[in-house]
Amino acid sequence: MVAEAVNGMEALWQAKDMQPELILMDINLPGLDGLEAARRISVLSPESKILFISENDSVETAQKAFDAGALGYLIKSDAGIELLTALKDIISGKRYVSRRLTRHKFRYRD
């Protein structure tokens, strides 16, 4: 099953209803942003694994994504090379960070 949401609130309600295994999320969503949507989805659909895919390559933003409950953070411009690996890692329960950010240490939420 595949679904698409046009904003953060729609993503939240779809996650609640569908309880998906994997969610690909952007940070910049209209209305409720992706970070807040991820925080809420983590409560409403705790088994869902969240992979953020964003143009933002800042360490601080990636850390916010992990603080919100994401298992992975992928920079969009790296997706052509890294997406398949990121998806495999996330589905298997591993964490994933874009290669450009791997030299940084991140805190992860349990």
PDB file of N, CA and C in Angstrom:
ATOM      1  N   MET A   1       0.852  -1.169   0.000  1.00  0.00           N
ATOM      2  CA  MET A   1       0.000   0.000   0.000  1.00  0.00           C
ATOM      3  C   MET A   1       0.898   1.232   0.000  1.00  0.00           C
ATOM      4  N   VAL A   2       0.542   2.195  -0.818  1.00  0.00           N
ATOM      5  CA  VAL A   2       1.264   3.454  -0.896  1.00  0.00           C
ATOM      6  C   VAL A   2       0.250   4.579  -0.791  1.00  0.00           C
ATOM      7  N   ALA A   3       0.581   5.596  -0.029  1.00  0.00           N
ATOM      8  CA  ALA A   3      -0.291   6.764   0.113  1.00  0.00           C
ATOM      9  C   ALA A   3       0.580   8.009   0.074  1.00  0.00           C
ATOM     10  N   GLU A   4      -0.039   9.116  -0.254  1.00  0.00           N
ATOM     11  CA  GLU A   4       0.662  10.391  -0.304  1.00  0.00           C
ATOM     12  C   GLU A   4      -0.158  11.420   0.457  1.00  0.00           C
ATOM     13  N   ALA A   5       0.523  12.257   1.210  1.00  0.00           N
ATOM     14  CA  ALA A   5      -0.145  13.321   1.960  1.00  0.00           C
ATOM     15  C   ALA A   5       0.376  14.662   1.456  1.00  0.00           C
ATOM     16  N   VAL A   6      -0.505  15.652   1.413  1.00  0.00           N
ATOM     17  CA  VAL A   6      -0.109  16.967   0.911  1.00  0.00           C
ATOM     18  C   VAL A   6       0.328  17.912   2.028  1.00  0.00           C
ATOM     19  N   ASN A   7       0.084  17.530   3.286  1.00  0.00           N
ATOM     20  CA  ASN A   7       0.498  18.369   4.409  1.00  0.00           C
ATOM     21  C   ASN A   7       0.700  17.490   5.646  1.00  0.00           C
ATOM     22  N   GLY A   8       1.207  18.104   6.688  1.00  0.00           N
ATOM     23  CA  GLY A   8       1.517  17.363   7.904  1.00  0.00           C
ATOM     24  C   GLY A   8       0.318  16.738   8.589  1.00  0.00           C
ATOM     25  N   MET A   9      -0.804  17.450   8.617  1.00  0.00           N
ATOM     26  CA  MET A   9      -2.002  16.896   9.269  1.00  0.00           C
ATOM     27  C   MET A   9      -2.519  15.682   8.513  1.00  0.00           C
ATOM     28  N   GLU A  10      -2.499  15.762   7.201  1.00  0.00           N
ATOM     29  CA  GLU A  10      -2.946  14.617   6.406  1.00  0.00           C
ATOM     30  C   GLU A  10      -2.015  13.424   6.626  1.00  0.00           C
ATOM     31  N   ALA A  11      -0.730  13.672   6.707  1.00  0.00           N
ATOM     32  CA  ALA A  11       0.228  12.597   6.991  1.00  0.00           C
ATOM     33  C   ALA A  11      -0.069  11.955   8.344  1.00  0.00           C
ATOM     34  N   LEU A  12      -0.376  12.780   9.308  1.00  0.00           N
ATOM     35  CA  LEU A  12      -0.694  12.297  10.648  1.00  0.00           C
ATOM     36  C   LEU A  12      -1.915  11.384  10.639  1.00  0.00           C
ATOM     37  N   TRP A  13      -2.983  11.821   9.997  1.00  0.00           N
ATOM     38  CA  TRP A  13      -4.222  11.029   9.984  1.00  0.00           C
ATOM     39  C   TRP A  13      -4.069   9.761   9.155  1.00  0.00           C
ATOM     40  N   GLN A  14      -3.335   9.845   8.047  1.00  0.00           N
ATOM     41  CA  GLN A  14      -3.114   8.634   7.259  1.00  0.00           C
ATOM     42  C   GLN A  14      -2.279   7.622   8.036  1.00  0.00           C
ATOM     43  N   ALA A  15      -1.267   8.101   8.749  1.00  0.00           N
ATOM     44  CA  ALA A  15      -0.444   7.198   9.554  1.00  0.00           C
ATOM     45  C   ALA A  15      -1.284   6.538  10.643  1.00  0.00           C
ATOM     46  N   LYS A  16      -2.150   7.309  11.252  1.00  0.00           N
ATOM     47  CA  LYS A  16      -3.014   6.754  12.298  1.00  0.00           C
ATOM     48  C   LYS A  16      -3.923   5.669  11.727  1.00  0.00           C
ATOM     49  N   ASP A  17      -4.521   5.932  10.574  1.00  0.00           N
ATOM     50  CA  ASP A  17      -5.458   4.986   9.971  1.00  0.00           C
ATOM     51  C   ASP A  17      -4.771   3.771   9.364  1.00  0.00           C
ATOM     52  N   MET A  18      -3.636   3.966   8.692  1.00  0.00           N
ATOM     53  CA  MET A  18      -2.999   2.891   7.930  1.00  0.00           C
ATOM     54  C   MET A  18      -1.929   2.127   8.703  1.00  0.00           C
ATOM     55  N   GLN A  19      -1.362   2.749   9.737  1.00  0.00           N
ATOM     56  CA  GLN A  19      -0.283   2.131  10.510  1.00  0.00           C
ATOM     57  C   GLN A  19       0.797   1.570   9.569  1.00  0.00           C
ATOM     58  N   PRO A  20       1.384   2.426   8.724  1.00  0.00           N
ATOM     59  CA  PRO A  20       2.347   1.936   7.733  1.00  0.00           C
ATOM     60  C   PRO A  20       3.653   1.467   8.357  1.00  0.00           C
ATOM     61  N   GLU A  21       4.317   0.570   7.650  1.00  0.00           N
ATOM     62  CA  GLU A  21       5.622   0.100   8.106  1.00  0.00           C
ATOM     63  C   GLU A  21       6.670   1.188   7.934  1.00  0.00           C
ATOM     64  N   LEU A  22       6.576   1.949   6.848  1.00  0.00           N
ATOM     65  CA  LEU A  22       7.572   2.950   6.505  1.00  0.00           C
ATOM     66  C   LEU A  22       6.909   4.246   6.068  1.00  0.00           C
ATOM     67  N   ILE A  23       7.457   5.354   6.543  1.00  0.00           N
ATOM     68  CA  ILE A  23       6.975   6.685   6.153  1.00  0.00           C
ATOM     69  C   ILE A  23       8.167   7.482   5.655  1.00  0.00           C
ATOM     70  N   LEU A  24       8.051   8.013   4.444  1.00  0.00           N
ATOM     71  CA  LEU A  24       9.032   8.944   3.901  1.00  0.00           C
ATOM     72  C   LEU A  24       8.473  10.331   4.148  1.00  0.00           C
ATOM     73  N   MET A  25       9.221  11.160   4.845  1.00  0.00           N
ATOM     74  CA  MET A  25       8.695  12.441   5.309  1.00  0.00           C
ATOM     75  C   MET A  25       9.633  13.576   4.922  1.00  0.00           C
ATOM     76  N   ASP A  26       9.040  14.696   4.529  1.00  0.00           N
ATOM     77  CA  ASP A  26       9.809  15.917   4.288  1.00  0.00           C
ATOM     78  C   ASP A  26       9.670  16.796   5.520  1.00  0.00           C
ATOM     79  N   ILE A  27      10.615  17.677   5.719  1.00  0.00           N
ATOM     80  CA  ILE A  27      10.542  18.588   6.868  1.00  0.00           C
ATOM     81  C   ILE A  27       9.581  19.732   6.579  1.00  0.00           C
ATOM     82  N   ASN A  28       9.689  20.279   5.392  1.00  0.00           N
ATOM     83  CA  ASN A  28       8.895  21.457   5.027  1.00  0.00           C
ATOM     84  C   ASN A  28       7.553  21.056   4.446  1.00  0.00           C
ATOM     85  N   LEU A  29       6.602  20.822   5.327  1.00  0.00           N
ATOM     86  CA  LEU A  29       5.236  20.525   4.912  1.00  0.00           C
ATOM     87  C   LEU A  29       4.350  21.701   5.290  1.00  0.00           C
ATOM     88  N   PRO A  30       3.331  21.980   4.474  1.00  0.00           N
ATOM     89  CA  PRO A  30       2.417  23.069   4.832  1.00  0.00           C
ATOM     90  C   PRO A  30       1.641  22.748   6.112  1.00  0.00           C
ATOM     91  N   GLY A  31       1.313  23.788   6.837  1.00  0.00           N
ATOM     92  CA  GLY A  31       0.565  23.610   8.087  1.00  0.00           C
ATOM     93  C   GLY A  31       1.461  22.994   9.145  1.00  0.00           C
ATOM     94  N   LEU A  32       1.149  21.801   9.548  1.00  0.00           N
ATOM     95  CA  LEU A  32       1.937  21.059  10.530  1.00  0.00           C
ATOM     96  C   LEU A  32       3.218  20.583   9.846  1.00  0.00           C
ATOM     97  N   ASP A  33       4.380  21.056  10.306  1.00  0.00           N
ATOM     98  CA  ASP A  33       5.628  20.677   9.622  1.00  0.00           C
ATOM     99  C   ASP A  33       5.966  19.208   9.871  1.00  0.00           C
ATOM    100  N   GLY A  34       6.899  18.697   9.078  1.00  0.00           N
ATOM    101  CA  GLY A  34       7.259  17.292   9.148  1.00  0.00           C
ATOM    102  C   GLY A  34       7.805  16.852  10.496  1.00  0.00           C
ATOM    103  N   LEU A  35       8.533  17.724  11.175  1.00  0.00           N
ATOM    104  CA  LEU A  35       9.087  17.367  12.478  1.00  0.00           C
ATOM    105  C   LEU A  35       7.987  17.138  13.510  1.00  0.00           C
ATOM    106  N   GLU A  36       7.039  18.059  13.561  1.00  0.00           N
ATOM    107  CA  GLU A  36       5.930  17.898  14.510  1.00  0.00           C
ATOM    108  C   GLU A  36       5.040  16.721  14.114  1.00  0.00           C
ATOM    109  N   ALA A  37       4.821  16.553  12.812  1.00  0.00           N
ATOM    110  CA  ALA A  37       4.037  15.403  12.351  1.00  0.00           C
ATOM    111  C   ALA A  37       4.721  14.101  12.782  1.00  0.00           C
ATOM    112  N   ALA A  38       6.030  14.025  12.658  1.00  0.00           N
ATOM    113  CA  ALA A  38       6.766  12.819  13.060  1.00  0.00           C
ATOM    114  C   ALA A  38       6.635  12.564  14.554  1.00  0.00           C
ATOM    115  N   ARG A  39       6.724  13.620  15.363  1.00  0.00           N
ATOM    116  CA  ARG A  39       6.557  13.453  16.817  1.00  0.00           C
ATOM    117  C   ARG A  39       5.199  12.828  17.129  1.00  0.00           C
ATOM    118  N   ARG A  40       4.167  13.342  16.488  1.00  0.00           N
ATOM    119  CA  ARG A  40       2.812  12.846  16.742  1.00  0.00           C
ATOM    120  C   ARG A  40       2.600  11.452  16.159  1.00  0.00           C
ATOM    121  N   ILE A  41       3.163  11.202  14.982  1.00  0.00           N
ATOM    122  CA  ILE A  41       3.037   9.880  14.366  1.00  0.00           C
ATOM    123  C   ILE A  41       3.705   8.830  15.237  1.00  0.00           C
ATOM    124  N   SER A  42       4.811   9.176  15.869  1.00  0.00           N
ATOM    125  CA  SER A  42       5.510   8.236  16.747  1.00  0.00           C
ATOM    126  C   SER A  42       4.620   7.740  17.878  1.00  0.00           C
ATOM    127  N   VAL A  43       3.654   8.561  18.274  1.00  0.00           N
ATOM    128  CA  VAL A  43       2.706   8.174  19.327  1.00  0.00           C
ATOM    129  C   VAL A  43       1.524   7.400  18.735  1.00  0.00           C
ATOM    130  N   LEU A  44       0.983   7.897  17.615  1.00  0.00           N
ATOM    131  CA  LEU A  44      -0.214   7.300  17.016  1.00  0.00           C
ATOM    132  C   LEU A  44       0.063   6.023  16.232  1.00  0.00           C
ATOM    133  N   SER A  45       1.271   5.882  15.734  1.00  0.00           N
ATOM    134  CA  SER A  45       1.646   4.715  14.928  1.00  0.00           C
ATOM    135  C   SER A  45       3.077   4.313  15.317  1.00  0.00           C
ATOM    136  N   PRO A  46       3.247   3.817  16.540  1.00  0.00           N
ATOM    137  CA  PRO A  46       4.590   3.599  17.085  1.00  0.00           C
ATOM    138  C   PRO A  46       5.439   2.583  16.322  1.00  0.00           C
ATOM    139  N   GLU A  47       4.845   1.710  15.547  1.00  0.00           N
ATOM    140  CA  GLU A  47       5.618   0.724  14.784  1.00  0.00           C
ATOM    141  C   GLU A  47       6.098   1.277  13.447  1.00  0.00           C
ATOM    142  N   SER A  48       5.595   2.437  13.040  1.00  0.00           N
ATOM    143  CA  SER A  48       6.007   3.037  11.765  1.00  0.00           C
ATOM    144  C   SER A  48       7.435   3.548  11.866  1.00  0.00           C
ATOM    145  N   LYS A  49       8.200   3.267  10.843  1.00  0.00           N
ATOM    146  CA  LYS A  49       9.585   3.733  10.766  1.00  0.00           C
ATOM    147  C   LYS A  49       9.613   4.958   9.865  1.00  0.00           C
ATOM    148  N   ILE A  50      10.229   6.033  10.337  1.00  0.00           N
ATOM    149  CA  ILE A  50      10.219   7.301   9.601  1.00  0.00           C
ATOM    150  C   ILE A  50      11.609   7.595   9.047  1.00  0.00           C
ATOM    151  N   LEU A  51      11.637   7.870   7.746  1.00  0.00           N
ATOM    152  CA  LEU A  51      12.851   8.311   7.059  1.00  0.00           C
ATOM    153  C   LEU A  51      12.577   9.708   6.529  1.00  0.00           C
ATOM    154  N   PHE A  52      13.319  10.689   7.031  1.00  0.00           N
ATOM    155  CA  PHE A  52      13.213  12.043   6.498  1.00  0.00           C
ATOM    156  C   PHE A  52      14.062  12.146   5.246  1.00  0.00           C
ATOM    157  N   ILE A  53      13.503  12.752   4.218  1.00  0.00           N
ATOM    158  CA  ILE A  53      14.231  13.058   2.998  1.00  0.00           C
ATOM    159  C   ILE A  53      14.078  14.553   2.799  1.00  0.00           C
ATOM    160  N   SER A  54      15.188  15.274   2.896  1.00  0.00           N
ATOM    161  CA  SER A  54      15.132  16.733   2.906  1.00  0.00           C
ATOM    162  C   SER A  54      16.312  17.336   2.158  1.00  0.00           C
ATOM    163  N   GLU A  55      16.101  18.508   1.584  1.00  0.00           N
ATOM    164  CA  GLU A  55      17.194  19.262   0.968  1.00  0.00           C
ATOM    165  C   GLU A  55      18.112  19.858   2.031  1.00  0.00           C
ATOM    166  N   ASN A  56      17.610  19.997   3.235  1.00  0.00           N
ATOM    167  CA  ASN A  56      18.366  20.610   4.315  1.00  0.00           C
ATOM    168  C   ASN A  56      19.505  19.684   4.742  1.00  0.00           C
ATOM    169  N   ASP A  57      20.735  20.163   4.617  1.00  0.00           N
ATOM    170  CA  ASP A  57      21.883  19.323   4.965  1.00  0.00           C
ATOM    171  C   ASP A  57      22.552  19.739   6.274  1.00  0.00           C
ATOM    172  N   SER A  58      21.818  20.463   7.117  1.00  0.00           N
ATOM    173  CA  SER A  58      22.417  20.895   8.379  1.00  0.00           C
ATOM    174  C   SER A  58      22.349  19.783   9.435  1.00  0.00           C
ATOM    175  N   VAL A  59      23.385  19.703  10.219  1.00  0.00           N
ATOM    176  CA  VAL A  59      23.462  18.728  11.303  1.00  0.00           C
ATOM    177  C   VAL A  59      22.349  18.983  12.313  1.00  0.00           C
ATOM    178  N   GLU A  60      22.072  20.250  12.581  1.00  0.00           N
ATOM    179  CA  GLU A  60      21.037  20.599  13.562  1.00  0.00           C
ATOM    180  C   GLU A  60      19.662  20.101  13.119  1.00  0.00           C
ATOM    181  N   THR A  61      19.350  20.239  11.839  1.00  0.00           N
ATOM    182  CA  THR A  61      18.055  19.784  11.334  1.00  0.00           C
ATOM    183  C   THR A  61      17.971  18.267  11.377  1.00  0.00           C
ATOM    184  N   ALA A  62      19.041  17.599  11.009  1.00  0.00           N
ATOM    185  CA  ALA A  62      19.057  16.139  11.088  1.00  0.00           C
ATOM    186  C   ALA A  62      18.848  15.692  12.537  1.00  0.00           C
ATOM    187  N   GLN A  63      19.481  16.369  13.493  1.00  0.00           N
ATOM    188  CA  GLN A  63      19.303  16.003  14.896  1.00  0.00           C
ATOM    189  C   GLN A  63      17.848  16.208  15.318  1.00  0.00           C
ATOM    190  N   LYS A  64      17.231  17.289  14.856  1.00  0.00           N
ATOM    191  CA  LYS A  64      15.811  17.515  15.172  1.00  0.00           C
ATOM    192  C   LYS A  64      14.947  16.383  14.628  1.00  0.00           C
ATOM    193  N   ALA A  65      15.294  15.881  13.454  1.00  0.00           N
ATOM    194  CA  ALA A  65      14.546  14.759  12.877  1.00  0.00           C
ATOM    195  C   ALA A  65      14.670  13.521  13.758  1.00  0.00           C
ATOM    196  N   PHE A  66      15.882  13.232  14.230  1.00  0.00           N
ATOM    197  CA  PHE A  66      16.064  12.080  15.121  1.00  0.00           C
ATOM    198  C   PHE A  66      15.357  12.305  16.460  1.00  0.00           C
ATOM    199  N   ASP A  67      15.391  13.539  16.957  1.00  0.00           N
ATOM    200  CA  ASP A  67      14.681  13.854  18.201  1.00  0.00           C
ATOM    201  C   ASP A  67      13.175  13.655  18.044  1.00  0.00           C
ATOM    202  N   ALA A  68      12.672  13.846  16.818  1.00  0.00           N
ATOM    203  CA  ALA A  68      11.242  13.689  16.546  1.00  0.00           C
ATOM    204  C   ALA A  68      10.842  12.227  16.377  1.00  0.00           C
ATOM    205  N   GLY A  69      11.826  11.329  16.366  1.00  0.00           N
ATOM    206  CA  GLY A  69      11.512   9.905  16.285  1.00  0.00           C
ATOM    207  C   GLY A  69      11.904   9.225  14.986  1.00  0.00           C
ATOM    208  N   ALA A  70      12.579   9.930  14.089  1.00  0.00           N
ATOM    209  CA  ALA A  70      12.981   9.324  12.819  1.00  0.00           C
ATOM    210  C   ALA A  70      14.084   8.287  13.022  1.00  0.00           C
ATOM    211  N   LEU A  71      14.087   7.285  12.164  1.00  0.00           N
ATOM    212  CA  LEU A  71      15.189   6.319  12.140  1.00  0.00           C
ATOM    213  C   LEU A  71      16.243   6.726  11.131  1.00  0.00           C
ATOM    214  N   GLY A  72      15.882   7.615  10.204  1.00  0.00           N
ATOM    215  CA  GLY A  72      16.850   7.993   9.196  1.00  0.00           C
ATOM    216  C   GLY A  72      16.675   9.398   8.688  1.00  0.00           C
ATOM    217  N   TYR A  73      17.773   9.908   8.120  1.00  0.00           N
ATOM    218  CA  TYR A  73      17.780  11.249   7.539  1.00  0.00           C
ATOM    219  C   TYR A  73      18.618  11.185   6.270  1.00  0.00           C
ATOM    220  N   LEU A  74      17.980  11.487   5.140  1.00  0.00           N
ATOM    221  CA  LEU A  74      18.624  11.422   3.837  1.00  0.00           C
ATOM    222  C   LEU A  74      18.514  12.779   3.153  1.00  0.00           C
ATOM    223  N   ILE A  75      19.636  13.286   2.676  1.00  0.00           N
ATOM    224  CA  ILE A  75      19.644  14.544   1.937  1.00  0.00           C
ATOM    225  C   ILE A  75      19.158  14.245   0.514  1.00  0.00           C
ATOM    226  N   LYS A  76      18.167  15.014   0.048  1.00  0.00           N
ATOM    227  CA  LYS A  76      17.527  14.735  -1.238  1.00  0.00           C
ATOM    228  C   LYS A  76      18.509  14.615  -2.387  1.00  0.00           C
ATOM    229  N   SER A  77      19.502  15.478  -2.429  1.00  0.00           N
ATOM    230  CA  SER A  77      20.440  15.425  -3.541  1.00  0.00           C
ATOM    231  C   SER A  77      21.305  14.160  -3.514  1.00  0.00           C
ATOM    232  N   ASP A  78      21.309  13.429  -2.412  1.00  0.00           N
ATOM    233  CA  ASP A  78      22.032  12.162  -2.310  1.00  0.00           C
ATOM    234  C   ASP A  78      21.116  10.955  -2.531  1.00  0.00           C
ATOM    235  N   ALA A  79      19.836  11.202  -2.679  1.00  0.00           N
ATOM    236  CA  ALA A  79      18.865  10.107  -2.752  1.00  0.00           C
ATOM    237  C   ALA A  79      19.099   9.182  -3.938  1.00  0.00           C
ATOM    238  N   GLY A  80      19.560   9.706  -5.073  1.00  0.00           N
ATOM    239  CA  GLY A  80      19.800   8.860  -6.230  1.00  0.00           C
ATOM    240  C   GLY A  80      20.792   7.747  -5.945  1.00  0.00           C
ATOM    241  N   ILE A  81      21.747   8.030  -5.091  1.00  0.00           N
ATOM    242  CA  ILE A  81      22.792   7.062  -4.758  1.00  0.00           C
ATOM    243  C   ILE A  81      22.449   6.279  -3.490  1.00  0.00           C
ATOM    244  N   GLU A  82      21.828   6.928  -2.524  1.00  0.00           N
ATOM    245  CA  GLU A  82      21.684   6.342  -1.189  1.00  0.00           C
ATOM    246  C   GLU A  82      20.289   5.826  -0.835  1.00  0.00           C
ATOM    247  N   LEU A  83      19.280   6.143  -1.624  1.00  0.00           N
ATOM    248  CA  LEU A  83      17.908   5.829  -1.221  1.00  0.00           C
ATOM    249  C   LEU A  83      17.684   4.344  -0.962  1.00  0.00           C
ATOM    250  N   LEU A  84      18.119   3.486  -1.851  1.00  0.00           N
ATOM    251  CA  LEU A  84      17.884   2.055  -1.673  1.00  0.00           C
ATOM    252  C   LEU A  84      18.531   1.538  -0.394  1.00  0.00           C
ATOM    253  N   THR A  85      19.757   1.945  -0.134  1.00  0.00           N
ATOM    254  CA  THR A  85      20.442   1.542   1.102  1.00  0.00           C
ATOM    255  C   THR A  85      19.694   2.065   2.319  1.00  0.00           C
ATOM    256  N   ALA A  86      19.272   3.328   2.259  1.00  0.00           N
ATOM    257  CA  ALA A  86      18.535   3.917   3.379  1.00  0.00           C
ATOM    258  C   ALA A  86      17.243   3.142   3.642  1.00  0.00           C
ATOM    259  N   LEU A  87      16.509   2.828   2.595  1.00  0.00           N
ATOM    260  CA  LEU A  87      15.250   2.093   2.758  1.00  0.00           C
ATOM    261  C   LEU A  87      15.492   0.716   3.365  1.00  0.00           C
ATOM    262  N   LYS A  88      16.493   0.008   2.868  1.00  0.00           N
ATOM    263  CA  LYS A  88      16.803  -1.317   3.417  1.00  0.00           C
ATOM    264  C   LYS A  88      17.178  -1.228   4.893  1.00  0.00           C
ATOM    265  N   ASP A  89      18.008  -0.258   5.237  1.00  0.00           N
ATOM    266  CA  ASP A  89      18.412  -0.099   6.636  1.00  0.00           C
ATOM    267  C   ASP A  89      17.219   0.221   7.523  1.00  0.00           C
ATOM    268  N   ILE A  90      16.403   1.171   7.105  1.00  0.00           N
ATOM    269  CA  ILE A  90      15.252   1.585   7.920  1.00  0.00           C
ATOM    270  C   ILE A  90      14.266   0.427   8.100  1.00  0.00           C
ATOM    271  N   ILE A  91      13.954  -0.277   7.025  1.00  0.00           N
ATOM    272  CA  ILE A  91      13.016  -1.407   7.111  1.00  0.00           C
ATOM    273  C   ILE A  91      13.537  -2.470   8.070  1.00  0.00           C
ATOM    274  N   SER A  92      14.852  -2.667   8.091  1.00  0.00           N
ATOM    275  CA  SER A  92      15.417  -3.685   8.988  1.00  0.00           C
ATOM    276  C   SER A  92      15.624  -3.166  10.415  1.00  0.00           C
ATOM    277  N   GLY A  93      15.222  -1.912  10.671  1.00  0.00           N
ATOM    278  CA  GLY A  93      15.306  -1.362  12.018  1.00  0.00           C
ATOM    279  C   GLY A  93      16.603  -0.649  12.337  1.00  0.00           C
ATOM    280  N   LYS A  94      17.488  -0.513  11.338  1.00  0.00           N
ATOM    281  CA  LYS A  94      18.753   0.196  11.550  1.00  0.00           C
ATOM    282  C   LYS A  94      18.550   1.693  11.339  1.00  0.00           C
ATOM    283  N   ARG A  95      19.444   2.458  11.862  1.00  0.00           N
ATOM    284  CA  ARG A  95      19.440   3.909  11.642  1.00  0.00           C
ATOM    285  C   ARG A  95      20.181   4.208  10.349  1.00  0.00           C
ATOM    286  N   TYR A  96      19.817   5.332   9.711  1.00  0.00           N
ATOM    287  CA  TYR A  96      20.509   5.737   8.491  1.00  0.00           C
ATOM    288  C   TYR A  96      20.724   7.247   8.502  1.00  0.00           C
ATOM    289  N   VAL A  97      21.932   7.650   8.131  1.00  0.00           N
ATOM    290  CA  VAL A  97      22.274   9.060   7.996  1.00  0.00           C
ATOM    291  C   VAL A  97      22.983   9.226   6.661  1.00  0.00           C
ATOM    292  N   SER A  98      22.611  10.257   5.918  1.00  0.00           N
ATOM    293  CA  SER A  98      23.286  10.542   4.653  1.00  0.00           C
ATOM    294  C   SER A  98      24.792  10.555   4.852  1.00  0.00           C
ATOM    295  N   ARG A  99      25.485  10.058   3.860  1.00  0.00           N
ATOM    296  CA  ARG A  99      26.948   9.959   3.953  1.00  0.00           C
ATOM    297  C   ARG A  99      27.601  11.290   4.286  1.00  0.00           C
ATOM    298  N   ARG A 100      27.033  12.374   3.761  1.00  0.00           N
ATOM    299  CA  ARG A 100      27.636  13.694   4.037  1.00  0.00           C
ATOM    300  C   ARG A 100      27.569  14.067   5.514  1.00  0.00           C
ATOM    301  N   LEU A 101      26.721  13.407   6.267  1.00  0.00           N
ATOM    302  CA  LEU A 101      26.557  13.741   7.685  1.00  0.00           C
ATOM    303  C   LEU A 101      27.133  12.685   8.623  1.00  0.00           C
ATOM    304  N   THR A 102      27.725  11.644   8.097  1.00  0.00           N
ATOM    305  CA  THR A 102      28.157  10.532   8.953  1.00  0.00           C
ATOM    306  C   THR A 102      29.304  10.867   9.895  1.00  0.00           C
ATOM    307  N   ARG A 103      30.039  11.911   9.625  1.00  0.00           N
ATOM    308  CA  ARG A 103      31.149  12.246  10.535  1.00  0.00           C
ATOM    309  C   ARG A 103      30.652  12.897  11.827  1.00  0.00           C
ATOM    310  N   HIS A 104      29.382  13.217  11.882  1.00  0.00           N
ATOM    311  CA  HIS A 104      28.788  13.834  13.072  1.00  0.00           C
ATOM    312  C   HIS A 104      28.152  12.765  13.954  1.00  0.00           C
ATOM    313  N   LYS A 105      28.191  13.009  15.223  1.00  0.00           N
ATOM    314  CA  LYS A 105      27.554  12.104  16.186  1.00  0.00           C
ATOM    315  C   LYS A 105      26.140  12.610  16.475  1.00  0.00           C
ATOM    316  N   PHE A 106      25.171  11.726  16.358  1.00  0.00           N
ATOM    317  CA  PHE A 106      23.785  12.084  16.616  1.00  0.00           C
ATOM    318  C   PHE A 106      23.266  11.339  17.839  1.00  0.00           C
ATOM    319  N   ARG A 107      22.353  11.986  18.538  1.00  0.00           N
ATOM    320  CA  ARG A 107      21.613  11.330  19.627  1.00  0.00           C
ATOM    321  C   ARG A 107      20.348  10.769  19.007  1.00  0.00           C
ATOM    322  N   TYR A 108      19.991   9.560  19.423  1.00  0.00           N
ATOM    323  CA  TYR A 108      18.793   8.936  18.885  1.00  0.00           C
ATOM    324  C   TYR A 108      17.803   8.692  20.010  1.00  0.00           C
ATOM    325  N   ARG A 109      16.558   8.825  19.651  1.00  0.00           N
ATOM    326  CA  ARG A 109      15.474   8.564  20.589  1.00  0.00           C
ATOM    327  C   ARG A 109      15.217   7.068  20.620  1.00  0.00           C
ATOM    328  N   ASP A 110      14.978   6.528  21.777  1.00  0.00           N
ATOM    329  CA  ASP A 110      14.677   5.090  21.877  1.00  0.00           C
ATOM    330  C   ASP A 110      13.224   4.811  21.690  1.00  0.00           C
TER     331      ASP A 110
END
